[in-house]
Amino acid sequence: MKLLYALCGVVALVALAWLGAGLLRLELVFGVVIPYVAFVLFLVGFTYRVIRWGRAAVPFRIPTTGGQQKSLPWIRHNRIGNPSTVAGVVGKMALELLFFRSLFYNTRAEKRGEALGFGSAKWLWLGALAFHWSLLVVALRHLRLFFEPVPGFVLGLGAADSFLQVGVPLLYLTDVLLLGALTFLFLRRVVAPRIRYISLSADYFALFLLIGVALTGVLMRYFFKVDMVAVKELTMGLVTLHPAIQPATALGPIFYIHLFLVSSLAAYFPWSKLMHAGGFFLAPTRNLPNNSRAKRHINPWNPQVETHSYAAYEDEFREKMLKVGLPVERLVDEAEEAVAP
């Protein structure tokens, strides 16, 4: 039922865009108003979540680490897995951001007979890496719709993405990888019993929404042709705040469905689990060096507590400790000499 609710939600979005732009001819609403509203909601929501996370108190060092911590000079510590310096944290964050280092070392546990066995989970790492990198490349390729002239790196990225030169129009490898990775992540969530048990409707909705965006984009490029000149006129008008309304007859309902799904994704993004992209750099389990052995970290808003040192404790109970045979650091004569003027 959770899967069905999410699927019905995305299908309803598709039907709404098809009905509004295709039948009712509301190109102004679906081509201008909704993209602007979605962009504002994305910026406001993203900023709000980042500021809220940034203001959260982090009184202690709680980095999630792996490997030997820095301690004695003759023990070699893991500078990336358990960094004790800012440079080490930067290296750790870079590997995490670009290559999902912690997910690469992730393992899965399962019962094998009477024993608990641990195995590799590299397929999840590979699927996540393929999805995120493909989505990034696809997003960068779309910059050609918002710039005139088109930046050289965008043209080079498109040429590298279609270097196999399969078919006409040329097949982008990231289109295949993106749909393949999304399909794998969806099947994993459905087939694996433990993942299916903890999955919510929001998890399926995000997947179906991403699949809808990717699928409508592929359909536009390879099957339902759209007027790219009209598309660029619309996107350039949106960027320059001089929107040019393009009729659905020129672009086709599939374009407005794609644009509406992208707008829905942008508006939904800051309030969903997808927002982990914004919280990555603010996670105290990742962005703090593990230097607790070298530096004492004190909670700044803790109330002042009157301490009772061992030396004061021994001065108070020295005679009683000696009577019962407890060892003391200084005898009575030594203590009197220490406090004498």
C-alpha atoms as a PDB file:
ATOM      1  CA  MET A   1       0.000   0.000   0.000  1.00  0.00           C
ATOM      2  CA  LYS A   2       2.845   2.400   0.733  1.00  0.00           C
ATOM      3  CA  LEU A   3       4.226   1.785  -2.741  1.00  0.00           C
ATOM      4  CA  LEU A   4       0.791   2.188  -4.300  1.00  0.00           C
ATOM      5  CA  TYR A   5       0.142   5.512  -2.536  1.00  0.00           C
ATOM      6  CA  ALA A   6       3.469   6.900  -3.776  1.00  0.00           C
ATOM      7  CA  LEU A   7       2.859   5.690  -7.335  1.00  0.00           C
ATOM      8  CA  CYS A   8      -0.617   7.195  -7.383  1.00  0.00           C
ATOM      9  CA  GLY A   9       0.818  10.496  -6.188  1.00  0.00           C
ATOM     10  CA  VAL A  10       3.293  10.716  -9.080  1.00  0.00           C
ATOM     11  CA  VAL A  11       0.684   9.538 -11.599  1.00  0.00           C
ATOM     12  CA  ALA A  12      -1.623  12.282 -10.316  1.00  0.00           C
ATOM     13  CA  LEU A  13       1.122  14.864 -10.927  1.00  0.00           C
ATOM     14  CA  VAL A  14       1.569  13.583 -14.485  1.00  0.00           C
ATOM     15  CA  ALA A  15      -2.170  13.661 -15.103  1.00  0.00           C
ATOM     16  CA  LEU A  16      -2.440  17.173 -13.676  1.00  0.00           C
ATOM     17  CA  ALA A  17       0.275  18.493 -15.993  1.00  0.00           C
ATOM     18  CA  TRP A  18      -1.187  16.710 -19.020  1.00  0.00           C
ATOM     19  CA  LEU A  19      -4.666  17.995 -18.261  1.00  0.00           C
ATOM     20  CA  GLY A  20      -3.612  21.557 -17.431  1.00  0.00           C
ATOM     21  CA  ALA A  21      -1.103  22.211 -20.227  1.00  0.00           C
ATOM     22  CA  GLY A  22      -2.329  19.740 -22.836  1.00  0.00           C
ATOM     23  CA  LEU A  23      -6.102  20.113 -22.644  1.00  0.00           C
ATOM     24  CA  LEU A  24      -6.865  23.317 -20.757  1.00  0.00           C
ATOM     25  CA  ARG A  25      -3.993  25.259 -22.411  1.00  0.00           C
ATOM     26  CA  LEU A  26      -2.679  26.680 -19.145  1.00  0.00           C
ATOM     27  CA  GLU A  27       0.829  27.178 -20.520  1.00  0.00           C
ATOM     28  CA  LEU A  28       1.297  30.329 -18.445  1.00  0.00           C
ATOM     29  CA  VAL A  29       0.618  28.444 -15.209  1.00  0.00           C
ATOM     30  CA  PHE A  30       2.668  25.333 -15.965  1.00  0.00           C
ATOM     31  CA  GLY A  31       5.407  27.052 -17.945  1.00  0.00           C
ATOM     32  CA  VAL A  32       5.996  30.192 -15.869  1.00  0.00           C
ATOM     33  CA  VAL A  33       4.104  30.436 -12.573  1.00  0.00           C
ATOM     34  CA  ILE A  34       4.759  26.937 -11.232  1.00  0.00           C
ATOM     35  CA  PRO A  35       8.528  26.932 -12.091  1.00  0.00           C
ATOM     36  CA  TYR A  36       8.977  30.311 -10.367  1.00  0.00           C
ATOM     37  CA  VAL A  37       7.016  29.192  -7.290  1.00  0.00           C
ATOM     38  CA  ALA A  38       8.954  25.940  -7.135  1.00  0.00           C
ATOM     39  CA  PHE A  39      12.274  27.785  -7.387  1.00  0.00           C
ATOM     40  CA  VAL A  40      11.323  30.148  -4.558  1.00  0.00           C
ATOM     41  CA  LEU A  41      10.144  27.247  -2.370  1.00  0.00           C
ATOM     42  CA  PHE A  42      13.407  25.443  -3.064  1.00  0.00           C
ATOM     43  CA  LEU A  43      15.555  28.430  -2.093  1.00  0.00           C
ATOM     44  CA  VAL A  44      13.517  29.283   0.998  1.00  0.00           C
ATOM     45  CA  GLY A  45      13.307  25.676   2.161  1.00  0.00           C
ATOM     46  CA  PHE A  46      16.960  24.935   1.492  1.00  0.00           C
ATOM     47  CA  THR A  47      18.088  28.084   3.301  1.00  0.00           C
ATOM     48  CA  TYR A  48      15.785  27.438   6.244  1.00  0.00           C
ATOM     49  CA  ARG A  49      16.991  23.870   6.718  1.00  0.00           C
ATOM     50  CA  VAL A  50      20.661  24.817   6.451  1.00  0.00           C
ATOM     51  CA  ILE A  51      20.314  27.708   8.928  1.00  0.00           C
ATOM     52  CA  ARG A  52      18.381  25.508  11.328  1.00  0.00           C
ATOM     53  CA  TRP A  53      21.027  22.782  11.194  1.00  0.00           C
ATOM     54  CA  GLY A  54      23.809  25.345  11.455  1.00  0.00           C
ATOM     55  CA  ARG A  55      22.333  26.757  14.667  1.00  0.00           C
ATOM     56  CA  ALA A  56      22.019  23.334  16.298  1.00  0.00           C
ATOM     57  CA  ALA A  57      24.259  22.871  19.309  1.00  0.00           C
ATOM     58  CA  VAL A  58      27.246  20.537  18.964  1.00  0.00           C
ATOM     59  CA  PRO A  59      28.789  20.471  22.444  1.00  0.00           C
ATOM     60  CA  PHE A  60      30.879  17.346  22.003  1.00  0.00           C
ATOM     61  CA  ARG A  61      33.128  15.805  19.389  1.00  0.00           C
ATOM     62  CA  ILE A  62      31.061  12.964  17.943  1.00  0.00           C
ATOM     63  CA  PRO A  63      32.746  12.099  14.611  1.00  0.00           C
ATOM     64  CA  THR A  64      32.012   8.705  13.135  1.00  0.00           C
ATOM     65  CA  THR A  65      35.454   7.297  12.497  1.00  0.00           C
ATOM     66  CA  GLY A  66      37.114   4.137  11.322  1.00  0.00           C
ATOM     67  CA  GLY A  67      40.708   3.123  11.919  1.00  0.00           C
ATOM     68  CA  GLN A  68      43.304   3.834  14.561  1.00  0.00           C
ATOM     69  CA  GLN A  69      42.949   7.100  16.465  1.00  0.00           C
ATOM     70  CA  LYS A  70      45.988   9.311  16.953  1.00  0.00           C
ATOM     71  CA  SER A  71      47.491   8.529  20.338  1.00  0.00           C
ATOM     72  CA  LEU A  72      51.099   7.545  21.032  1.00  0.00           C
ATOM     73  CA  PRO A  73      53.744   8.706  18.528  1.00  0.00           C
ATOM     74  CA  TRP A  74      54.914   5.163  17.764  1.00  0.00           C
ATOM     75  CA  ILE A  75      51.388   3.976  16.856  1.00  0.00           C
ATOM     76  CA  ARG A  76      50.446   4.774  13.274  1.00  0.00           C
ATOM     77  CA  HIS A  77      46.964   6.273  13.068  1.00  0.00           C
ATOM     78  CA  ASN A  78      44.537   6.483  10.146  1.00  0.00           C
ATOM     79  CA  ARG A  79      44.758  10.088   8.914  1.00  0.00           C
ATOM     80  CA  ILE A  80      41.676   9.804   6.681  1.00  0.00           C
ATOM     81  CA  GLY A  81      39.507   7.266   8.475  1.00  0.00           C
ATOM     82  CA  ASN A  82      40.110   8.839  11.875  1.00  0.00           C
ATOM     83  CA  PRO A  83      41.401  12.375  11.201  1.00  0.00           C
ATOM     84  CA  SER A  84      42.753  14.491  14.027  1.00  0.00           C
ATOM     85  CA  THR A  85      43.414  17.633  11.936  1.00  0.00           C
ATOM     86  CA  VAL A  86      41.380  19.918   9.698  1.00  0.00           C
ATOM     87  CA  ALA A  87      43.338  18.731   6.643  1.00  0.00           C
ATOM     88  CA  GLY A  88      42.413  15.153   7.455  1.00  0.00           C
ATOM     89  CA  VAL A  89      38.746  16.118   7.768  1.00  0.00           C
ATOM     90  CA  VAL A  90      38.879  17.855   4.376  1.00  0.00           C
ATOM     91  CA  GLY A  91      40.343  14.697   2.820  1.00  0.00           C
ATOM     92  CA  LYS A  92      37.742  12.519   4.486  1.00  0.00           C
ATOM     93  CA  MET A  93      34.892  14.797   3.377  1.00  0.00           C
ATOM     94  CA  ALA A  94      36.208  14.942  -0.196  1.00  0.00           C
ATOM     95  CA  LEU A  95      36.350  11.148  -0.469  1.00  0.00           C
ATOM     96  CA  GLU A  96      32.898  10.926   1.059  1.00  0.00           C
ATOM     97  CA  LEU A  97      31.422  13.553  -1.253  1.00  0.00           C
ATOM     98  CA  LEU A  98      32.971  12.313  -4.487  1.00  0.00           C
ATOM     99  CA  PHE A  99      33.210   8.548  -3.971  1.00  0.00           C
ATOM    100  CA  PHE A 100      30.908   7.668  -1.016  1.00  0.00           C
ATOM    101  CA  ARG A 101      33.762   6.212   0.990  1.00  0.00           C
ATOM    102  CA  SER A 102      31.726   5.087   4.001  1.00  0.00           C
ATOM    103  CA  LEU A 103      29.163   3.387   1.775  1.00  0.00           C
ATOM    104  CA  PHE A 104      31.987   1.548   0.011  1.00  0.00           C
ATOM    105  CA  TYR A 105      33.024  -0.012   3.323  1.00  0.00           C
ATOM    106  CA  ASN A 106      29.436  -0.779   4.294  1.00  0.00           C
ATOM    107  CA  THR A 107      28.570  -4.419   5.002  1.00  0.00           C
ATOM    108  CA  ARG A 108      25.331  -6.355   5.286  1.00  0.00           C
ATOM    109  CA  ALA A 109      24.516  -8.837   8.012  1.00  0.00           C
ATOM    110  CA  GLU A 110      22.452 -11.976   7.504  1.00  0.00           C
ATOM    111  CA  LYS A 111      21.819 -15.216   9.307  1.00  0.00           C
ATOM    112  CA  ARG A 112      23.682 -18.171   7.841  1.00  0.00           C
ATOM    113  CA  GLY A 113      22.433 -21.258   9.572  1.00  0.00           C
ATOM    114  CA  GLU A 114      22.900 -20.687  13.274  1.00  0.00           C
ATOM    115  CA  ALA A 115      25.600 -18.073  12.844  1.00  0.00           C
ATOM    116  CA  LEU A 116      25.458 -14.400  11.897  1.00  0.00           C
ATOM    117  CA  GLY A 117      27.445 -13.703   8.751  1.00  0.00           C
ATOM    118  CA  PHE A 118      28.669 -10.447   7.271  1.00  0.00           C
ATOM    119  CA  GLY A 119      29.053  -9.817   3.555  1.00  0.00           C
ATOM    120  CA  SER A 120      29.904  -7.087   1.103  1.00  0.00           C
ATOM    121  CA  ALA A 121      27.357  -4.463   0.060  1.00  0.00           C
ATOM    122  CA  LYS A 122      29.224  -3.084  -2.940  1.00  0.00           C
ATOM    123  CA  TRP A 123      26.170  -3.201  -5.212  1.00  0.00           C
ATOM    124  CA  LEU A 124      24.482  -0.515  -3.147  1.00  0.00           C
ATOM    125  CA  TRP A 125      27.622   1.628  -3.303  1.00  0.00           C
ATOM    126  CA  LEU A 126      27.863   1.170  -7.083  1.00  0.00           C
ATOM    127  CA  GLY A 127      24.183   1.974  -7.645  1.00  0.00           C
ATOM    128  CA  ALA A 128      24.311   5.091  -5.477  1.00  0.00           C
ATOM    129  CA  LEU A 129      27.504   6.270  -7.157  1.00  0.00           C
ATOM    130  CA  ALA A 130      26.070   5.727 -10.651  1.00  0.00           C
ATOM    131  CA  PHE A 131      22.856   7.544  -9.752  1.00  0.00           C
ATOM    132  CA  HIS A 132      24.434  10.629  -8.174  1.00  0.00           C
ATOM    133  CA  TRP A 133      27.163  11.090 -10.775  1.00  0.00           C
ATOM    134  CA  SER A 134      24.743  10.541 -13.667  1.00  0.00           C
ATOM    135  CA  LEU A 135      22.278  13.004 -12.167  1.00  0.00           C
ATOM    136  CA  LEU A 136      25.059  15.576 -11.778  1.00  0.00           C
ATOM    137  CA  VAL A 137      26.181  15.185 -15.391  1.00  0.00           C
ATOM    138  CA  VAL A 138      22.600  15.395 -16.665  1.00  0.00           C
ATOM    139  CA  ALA A 139      22.017  18.568 -14.645  1.00  0.00           C
ATOM    140  CA  LEU A 140      25.224  20.132 -15.985  1.00  0.00           C
ATOM    141  CA  ARG A 141      24.279  19.220 -19.551  1.00  0.00           C
ATOM    142  CA  HIS A 142      20.991  21.082 -19.102  1.00  0.00           C
ATOM    143  CA  LEU A 143      22.953  24.305 -18.585  1.00  0.00           C
ATOM    144  CA  ARG A 144      23.042  24.637 -22.358  1.00  0.00           C
ATOM    145  CA  LEU A 145      19.384  25.671 -22.122  1.00  0.00           C
ATOM    146  CA  PHE A 146      20.143  28.577 -19.780  1.00  0.00           C
ATOM    147  CA  PHE A 147      23.229  30.170 -21.365  1.00  0.00           C
ATOM    148  CA  GLU A 148      23.900  31.824 -24.681  1.00  0.00           C
ATOM    149  CA  PRO A 149      26.546  31.225 -25.813  1.00  0.00           C
ATOM    150  CA  VAL A 150      26.789  27.773 -24.267  1.00  0.00           C
ATOM    151  CA  PRO A 151      29.877  27.388 -22.021  1.00  0.00           C
ATOM    152  CA  GLY A 152      32.630  25.283 -23.506  1.00  0.00           C
ATOM    153  CA  PHE A 153      32.744  22.806 -20.620  1.00  0.00           C
ATOM    154  CA  VAL A 154      29.030  22.039 -21.150  1.00  0.00           C
ATOM    155  CA  LEU A 155      29.649  21.256 -24.832  1.00  0.00           C
ATOM    156  CA  GLY A 156      32.654  19.137 -23.913  1.00  0.00           C
ATOM    157  CA  LEU A 157      30.667  17.281 -21.275  1.00  0.00           C
ATOM    158  CA  GLY A 158      27.925  16.493 -23.781  1.00  0.00           C
ATOM    159  CA  ALA A 159      30.451  15.280 -26.339  1.00  0.00           C
ATOM    160  CA  ALA A 160      32.139  13.016 -23.783  1.00  0.00           C
ATOM    161  CA  ASP A 161      28.779  11.686 -22.612  1.00  0.00           C
ATOM    162  CA  SER A 162      27.812  10.659 -26.169  1.00  0.00           C
ATOM    163  CA  PHE A 163      31.243   9.524 -27.363  1.00  0.00           C
ATOM    164  CA  LEU A 164      29.922   6.087 -28.408  1.00  0.00           C
ATOM    165  CA  GLN A 165      27.741   7.841 -31.042  1.00  0.00           C
ATOM    166  CA  VAL A 166      24.952   5.295 -30.853  1.00  0.00           C
ATOM    167  CA  GLY A 167      21.852   6.147 -32.896  1.00  0.00           C
ATOM    168  CA  VAL A 168      20.365   9.479 -33.934  1.00  0.00           C
ATOM    169  CA  PRO A 169      20.066  11.544 -31.849  1.00  0.00           C
ATOM    170  CA  LEU A 170      23.215  10.461 -30.079  1.00  0.00           C
ATOM    171  CA  LEU A 171      22.689   8.318 -27.015  1.00  0.00           C
ATOM    172  CA  TYR A 172      23.875   9.823 -23.755  1.00  0.00           C
ATOM    173  CA  LEU A 173      25.420   7.208 -21.488  1.00  0.00           C
ATOM    174  CA  THR A 174      24.249   9.037 -18.374  1.00  0.00           C
ATOM    175  CA  ASP A 175      20.630   8.639 -19.491  1.00  0.00           C
ATOM    176  CA  VAL A 176      21.054   4.874 -19.458  1.00  0.00           C
ATOM    177  CA  LEU A 177      23.007   4.884 -16.200  1.00  0.00           C
ATOM    178  CA  LEU A 178      20.507   7.158 -14.467  1.00  0.00           C
ATOM    179  CA  LEU A 179      17.490   5.029 -15.349  1.00  0.00           C
ATOM    180  CA  GLY A 180      19.414   1.832 -14.582  1.00  0.00           C
ATOM    181  CA  ALA A 181      20.547   3.089 -11.181  1.00  0.00           C
ATOM    182  CA  LEU A 182      17.057   4.288 -10.238  1.00  0.00           C
ATOM    183  CA  THR A 183      15.602   0.948 -11.282  1.00  0.00           C
ATOM    184  CA  PHE A 184      18.173  -0.889  -9.151  1.00  0.00           C
ATOM    185  CA  LEU A 185      17.476   1.309  -6.102  1.00  0.00           C
ATOM    186  CA  PHE A 186      13.750   0.749  -6.528  1.00  0.00           C
ATOM    187  CA  LEU A 187      14.054  -3.033  -6.936  1.00  0.00           C
ATOM    188  CA  ARG A 188      16.366  -3.225  -3.925  1.00  0.00           C
ATOM    189  CA  ARG A 189      13.770  -1.448  -1.823  1.00  0.00           C
ATOM    190  CA  VAL A 190      11.026  -3.796  -3.048  1.00  0.00           C
ATOM    191  CA  VAL A 191      12.840  -7.149  -3.176  1.00  0.00           C
ATOM    192  CA  ALA A 192      14.919  -7.018   0.038  1.00  0.00           C
ATOM    193  CA  PRO A 193      12.496  -7.871   2.907  1.00  0.00           C
ATOM    194  CA  ARG A 194      14.293  -5.785   5.529  1.00  0.00           C
ATOM    195  CA  ILE A 195      14.501  -2.728   3.285  1.00  0.00           C
ATOM    196  CA  ARG A 196      10.866  -3.129   2.255  1.00  0.00           C
ATOM    197  CA  TYR A 197       9.808  -3.349   5.908  1.00  0.00           C
ATOM    198  CA  ILE A 198      11.367  -0.014   6.873  1.00  0.00           C
ATOM    199  CA  SER A 199      10.429   1.814   3.646  1.00  0.00           C
ATOM    200  CA  LEU A 200       7.834   4.567   3.855  1.00  0.00           C
ATOM    201  CA  SER A 201       5.584   6.092   1.239  1.00  0.00           C
ATOM    202  CA  ALA A 202       7.923   9.107   1.163  1.00  0.00           C
ATOM    203  CA  ASP A 203      10.827   6.841   0.150  1.00  0.00           C
ATOM    204  CA  TYR A 204       8.885   5.402  -2.781  1.00  0.00           C
ATOM    205  CA  PHE A 205       7.496   8.812  -3.740  1.00  0.00           C
ATOM    206  CA  ALA A 206      10.983  10.303  -4.082  1.00  0.00           C
ATOM    207  CA  LEU A 207      12.090   7.358  -6.225  1.00  0.00           C
ATOM    208  CA  PHE A 208       9.015   7.490  -8.459  1.00  0.00           C
ATOM    209  CA  LEU A 209       9.370  11.247  -8.836  1.00  0.00           C
ATOM    210  CA  LEU A 210      13.006  10.908  -9.897  1.00  0.00           C
ATOM    211  CA  ILE A 211      12.113   8.072 -12.267  1.00  0.00           C
ATOM    212  CA  GLY A 212       9.335  10.217 -13.730  1.00  0.00           C
ATOM    213  CA  VAL A 213      11.715  13.126 -14.332  1.00  0.00           C
ATOM    214  CA  ALA A 214      14.327  10.888 -15.973  1.00  0.00           C
ATOM    215  CA  LEU A 215      11.793   8.912 -18.016  1.00  0.00           C
ATOM    216  CA  THR A 216      10.012  11.959 -19.427  1.00  0.00           C
ATOM    217  CA  GLY A 217      13.371  13.474 -20.323  1.00  0.00           C
ATOM    218  CA  VAL A 218      14.391  10.321 -22.191  1.00  0.00           C
ATOM    219  CA  LEU A 219      11.016  10.186 -23.968  1.00  0.00           C
ATOM    220  CA  MET A 220      11.439  13.787 -25.123  1.00  0.00           C
ATOM    221  CA  ARG A 221      14.913  13.201 -26.494  1.00  0.00           C
ATOM    222  CA  TYR A 222      14.509   9.863 -28.237  1.00  0.00           C
ATOM    223  CA  PHE A 223      10.800   9.368 -28.955  1.00  0.00           C
ATOM    224  CA  PHE A 224       8.543  12.451 -28.699  1.00  0.00           C
ATOM    225  CA  LYS A 225      10.397  15.247 -30.454  1.00  0.00           C
ATOM    226  CA  VAL A 226      10.062  18.782 -29.145  1.00  0.00           C
ATOM    227  CA  ASP A 227      11.105  22.086 -30.643  1.00  0.00           C
ATOM    228  CA  MET A 228      14.407  22.800 -28.879  1.00  0.00           C
ATOM    229  CA  VAL A 229      14.414  26.403 -30.127  1.00  0.00           C
ATOM    230  CA  ALA A 230      11.093  26.980 -28.368  1.00  0.00           C
ATOM    231  CA  VAL A 231      12.393  25.199 -25.261  1.00  0.00           C
ATOM    232  CA  LYS A 232      15.433  27.457 -25.107  1.00  0.00           C
ATOM    233  CA  GLU A 233      13.308  30.558 -25.628  1.00  0.00           C
ATOM    234  CA  LEU A 234      11.204  29.509 -22.645  1.00  0.00           C
ATOM    235  CA  THR A 235      14.157  28.694 -20.383  1.00  0.00           C
ATOM    236  CA  MET A 236      16.090  31.834 -21.335  1.00  0.00           C
ATOM    237  CA  GLY A 237      12.971  33.890 -20.666  1.00  0.00           C
ATOM    238  CA  LEU A 238      12.614  32.324 -17.222  1.00  0.00           C
ATOM    239  CA  VAL A 239      16.249  33.038 -16.374  1.00  0.00           C
ATOM    240  CA  THR A 240      16.138  36.653 -17.559  1.00  0.00           C
ATOM    241  CA  LEU A 241      12.767  37.253 -15.840  1.00  0.00           C
ATOM    242  CA  HIS A 242      11.140  37.939 -19.214  1.00  0.00           C
ATOM    243  CA  PRO A 243       9.181  34.724 -19.718  1.00  0.00           C
ATOM    244  CA  ALA A 244       8.023  33.910 -23.226  1.00  0.00           C
ATOM    245  CA  ILE A 245       4.922  31.739 -23.257  1.00  0.00           C
ATOM    246  CA  GLN A 246       5.284  28.750 -25.565  1.00  0.00           C
ATOM    247  CA  PRO A 247       2.106  26.953 -26.688  1.00  0.00           C
ATOM    248  CA  ALA A 248       1.732  23.272 -25.923  1.00  0.00           C
ATOM    249  CA  THR A 249       1.340  22.639 -29.645  1.00  0.00           C
ATOM    250  CA  ALA A 250       4.975  23.710 -30.163  1.00  0.00           C
ATOM    251  CA  LEU A 251       6.472  21.896 -27.181  1.00  0.00           C
ATOM    252  CA  GLY A 252       4.029  19.084 -26.657  1.00  0.00           C
ATOM    253  CA  PRO A 253       2.382  17.939 -23.419  1.00  0.00           C
ATOM    254  CA  ILE A 254       5.403  15.736 -22.624  1.00  0.00           C
ATOM    255  CA  PHE A 255       7.571  18.815 -22.098  1.00  0.00           C
ATOM    256  CA  TYR A 256       5.144  20.399 -19.658  1.00  0.00           C
ATOM    257  CA  ILE A 257       4.828  17.093 -17.812  1.00  0.00           C
ATOM    258  CA  HIS A 258       8.623  16.957 -17.529  1.00  0.00           C
ATOM    259  CA  LEU A 259       8.821  20.580 -16.393  1.00  0.00           C
ATOM    260  CA  PHE A 260       6.045  20.084 -13.843  1.00  0.00           C
ATOM    261  CA  LEU A 261       7.739  16.997 -12.390  1.00  0.00           C
ATOM    262  CA  VAL A 262      11.038  18.894 -12.142  1.00  0.00           C
ATOM    263  CA  SER A 263       9.245  21.772 -10.414  1.00  0.00           C
ATOM    264  CA  SER A 264       7.550  19.328  -8.024  1.00  0.00           C
ATOM    265  CA  LEU A 265      10.906  17.761  -7.238  1.00  0.00           C
ATOM    266  CA  ALA A 266      12.471  21.165  -6.555  1.00  0.00           C
ATOM    267  CA  ALA A 267       9.625  22.217  -4.239  1.00  0.00           C
ATOM    268  CA  TYR A 268       9.624  18.848  -2.446  1.00  0.00           C
ATOM    269  CA  PHE A 269      13.397  18.567  -2.132  1.00  0.00           C
ATOM    270  CA  PRO A 270      14.072  20.735   0.976  1.00  0.00           C
ATOM    271  CA  TRP A 271      11.371  18.991   3.030  1.00  0.00           C
ATOM    272  CA  SER A 272      12.306  15.412   2.185  1.00  0.00           C
ATOM    273  CA  LYS A 273      15.085  12.931   2.842  1.00  0.00           C
ATOM    274  CA  LEU A 274      16.684  14.170  -0.367  1.00  0.00           C
ATOM    275  CA  MET A 275      17.854  17.143   1.672  1.00  0.00           C
ATOM    276  CA  HIS A 276      20.809  15.047   2.859  1.00  0.00           C
ATOM    277  CA  ALA A 277      22.614  16.807   0.017  1.00  0.00           C
ATOM    278  CA  GLY A 278      22.386  20.061   1.955  1.00  0.00           C
ATOM    279  CA  GLY A 279      23.110  18.583   5.355  1.00  0.00           C
ATOM    280  CA  PHE A 280      26.228  16.720   4.292  1.00  0.00           C
ATOM    281  CA  PHE A 281      28.644  19.495   5.226  1.00  0.00           C
ATOM    282  CA  LEU A 282      26.870  20.253   8.512  1.00  0.00           C
ATOM    283  CA  ALA A 283      26.905  16.738   9.931  1.00  0.00           C
ATOM    284  CA  PRO A 284      28.939  16.749  13.190  1.00  0.00           C
ATOM    285  CA  THR A 285      29.625  13.057  12.715  1.00  0.00           C
ATOM    286  CA  ARG A 286      31.682  13.928   9.626  1.00  0.00           C
ATOM    287  CA  ASN A 287      33.006  17.496   9.780  1.00  0.00           C
ATOM    288  CA  LEU A 288      34.853  17.387  13.124  1.00  0.00           C
ATOM    289  CA  PRO A 289      38.420  16.192  13.763  1.00  0.00           C
ATOM    290  CA  ASN A 290      38.747  13.474  16.363  1.00  0.00           C
ATOM    291  CA  ASN A 291      41.227  15.243  18.640  1.00  0.00           C
ATOM    292  CA  SER A 292      39.646  14.575  22.028  1.00  0.00           C
ATOM    293  CA  ARG A 293      42.847  12.998  23.324  1.00  0.00           C
ATOM    294  CA  ALA A 294      44.894  16.066  22.434  1.00  0.00           C
ATOM    295  CA  LYS A 295      42.432  18.797  23.368  1.00  0.00           C
ATOM    296  CA  ARG A 296      39.804  18.966  26.066  1.00  0.00           C
ATOM    297  CA  HIS A 297      36.420  20.102  24.767  1.00  0.00           C
ATOM    298  CA  ILE A 298      34.099  21.642  27.349  1.00  0.00           C
ATOM    299  CA  ASN A 299      30.436  22.288  26.830  1.00  0.00           C
ATOM    300  CA  PRO A 300      30.311  26.129  26.834  1.00  0.00           C
ATOM    301  CA  TRP A 301      26.854  26.435  28.401  1.00  0.00           C
ATOM    302  CA  ASN A 302      27.363  23.973  31.250  1.00  0.00           C
ATOM    303  CA  PRO A 303      26.922  25.630  34.670  1.00  0.00           C
ATOM    304  CA  GLN A 304      30.021  26.178  36.751  1.00  0.00           C
ATOM    305  CA  VAL A 305      30.553  23.195  39.021  1.00  0.00           C
ATOM    306  CA  GLU A 306      32.670  23.431  42.154  1.00  0.00           C
ATOM    307  CA  THR A 307      35.276  20.702  41.908  1.00  0.00           C
ATOM    308  CA  HIS A 308      37.006  18.853  44.714  1.00  0.00           C
ATOM    309  CA  SER A 309      40.532  17.838  43.734  1.00  0.00           C
ATOM    310  CA  TYR A 310      42.212  14.762  45.084  1.00  0.00           C
ATOM    311  CA  ALA A 311      44.823  16.891  46.855  1.00  0.00           C
ATOM    312  CA  ALA A 312      42.082  18.727  48.743  1.00  0.00           C
ATOM    313  CA  TYR A 313      40.354  15.422  49.426  1.00  0.00           C
ATOM    314  CA  GLU A 314      43.546  13.972  50.865  1.00  0.00           C
ATOM    315  CA  ASP A 315      44.156  17.061  52.997  1.00  0.00           C
ATOM    316  CA  GLU A 316      40.679  16.659  54.443  1.00  0.00           C
ATOM    317  CA  PHE A 317      40.849  12.952  55.193  1.00  0.00           C
ATOM    318  CA  ARG A 318      44.621  12.265  55.484  1.00  0.00           C
ATOM    319  CA  GLU A 319      44.633  11.266  59.136  1.00  0.00           C
ATOM    320  CA  LYS A 320      41.640   8.990  58.745  1.00  0.00           C
ATOM    321  CA  MET A 321      43.175   7.386  55.646  1.00  0.00           C
ATOM    322  CA  LEU A 322      46.381   6.691  57.531  1.00  0.00           C
ATOM    323  CA  LYS A 323      44.478   5.156  60.447  1.00  0.00           C
ATOM    324  CA  VAL A 324      42.729   2.617  58.196  1.00  0.00           C
ATOM    325  CA  GLY A 325      45.917   1.921  56.212  1.00  0.00           C
ATOM    326  CA  LEU A 326      45.004   3.646  52.941  1.00  0.00           C
ATOM    327  CA  PRO A 327      47.990   4.951  50.957  1.00  0.00           C
ATOM    328  CA  VAL A 328      48.470   8.712  50.713  1.00  0.00           C
ATOM    329  CA  GLU A 329      50.661  10.789  48.475  1.00  0.00           C
ATOM    330  CA  ARG A 330      52.043  12.887  51.311  1.00  0.00           C
ATOM    331  CA  LEU A 331      52.391  12.160  55.028  1.00  0.00           C
ATOM    332  CA  VAL A 332      51.195  14.552  57.694  1.00  0.00           C
ATOM    333  CA  ASP A 333      54.610  16.212  58.181  1.00  0.00           C
ATOM    334  CA  GLU A 334      55.106  16.678  54.443  1.00  0.00           C
ATOM    335  CA  ALA A 335      51.646  18.225  54.095  1.00  0.00           C
ATOM    336  CA  GLU A 336      52.327  20.646  56.933  1.00  0.00           C
ATOM    337  CA  GLU A 337      55.626  21.687  55.372  1.00  0.00           C
ATOM    338  CA  ALA A 338      53.922  22.255  52.021  1.00  0.00           C
ATOM    339  CA  VAL A 339      51.393  24.707  53.470  1.00  0.00           C
ATOM    340  CA  ALA A 340      53.848  26.420  55.906  1.00  0.00           C
ATOM    341  CA  PRO A 341      54.827  30.061  55.010  1.00  0.00           C
END
